């Protein structure tokens, strides 16, 4: 028997036959999209969502698209659309021009070495680089991350008006349309008693045919949390998210031990180091993943792997990304096996005007994976021209 060997470089492989994709240009565009209704957060309310779209072109003519979205401004993580655009244009673009888009590890390290933080900006750039890789290899991004284990994910819808009667009606409409039967109350913008009464009213009305969760966005101290959460649980609350400040892991651990529903940590888990601390302190028993807060899809997947290794299941959070960002998030979700409470990538339905040629696919209470190469989503050039902040003409031609 004759054994024949072959050099790795000579093997037939799409990956090995692909030439370097040298970055030639990077363009950033801020887009302002109207929302179907006001979206309230603990810190503010919003009627539009501003997003930075990032277009990275290579010398071979491949264009990768990234999206950086904040929850309506810098209140959550310190970055806003204007700062994201500035950091990319002035500081990050010079670091990437002339580099190979396939060298993501080296490029992320290069950006980290020169620019501290700014995870939202870096996440959008990494998204564009992964889009380039997928297009160059004729593969969906999920195959670059290890392959898919799911085609869809149950989706939550935000209830964020502050009016319990209106929120119950909104939820009932979503259930009837088979869009959502999971709902998350955005809390923290009302005084605690009013907020808790509102949450209890909604939970009692919907508890028999929907899952009701609550997100307080760090607005309560431990005393208020200890008073409020048991009352909401008695009314039918199924999950509580980040009621206390992100730094207070000791109080978070006490809450986790005291209640019989999942305690979801979001703001407390942005980095791999955060994940280690949460696992060591038992501060939460469910972790919210967000591409933007953690600086990219690959770093978010690392945090997910660390959480699962510690026995902590996953949840897919949102910064109200419309269809392109929702599709990018689903590329990651497709590779994650332990998402028992689904996610909330509902931004594609919250915007009154979409910017993609094909909108994100919501049906039967789930967001479905879009198949195709790269991120599998395409920006509509006409919509981009109409909704970009520096446009020179009216958007009314595209209004519903």
Foldseek 3Di string as FASTA:
>chain_A
DDDDDDDPLPDDDLVSPFDFFAWADKDKFKFKFAFPDWFDALVGIDGIWIKIWMWTATPVGDIFIFIFGFLQDCPQPRDDRVVLRVCCVPPLVVLRHGDGLVPLVVSVVSCCVRDPDQLSSLARVNLRSLLRVQVSSFHESLVVVPFFDDFWWFAEAEDGPLDLVVSLVVQVVCVVQLQAQEYEYRANNDPLVSRLVSLLSNQLSRQVGGAYEYENSANDDLVSCVVRPVSNVVSRHQEYENPHDLVPLLSLQVVQVPDDHWYEYESVDQALVSLVVCLVSVSTQEYEFDQRSNRHLVRSVVSCVSCVVSVRFYEYEDSLDAFLVLLQSVSSVRHHDGHVPTYHNCSNNRGQAGFWPDGFDGHSSITGHQDTTRSNIHGDVVSSLARGPPHDDHNVVRGD
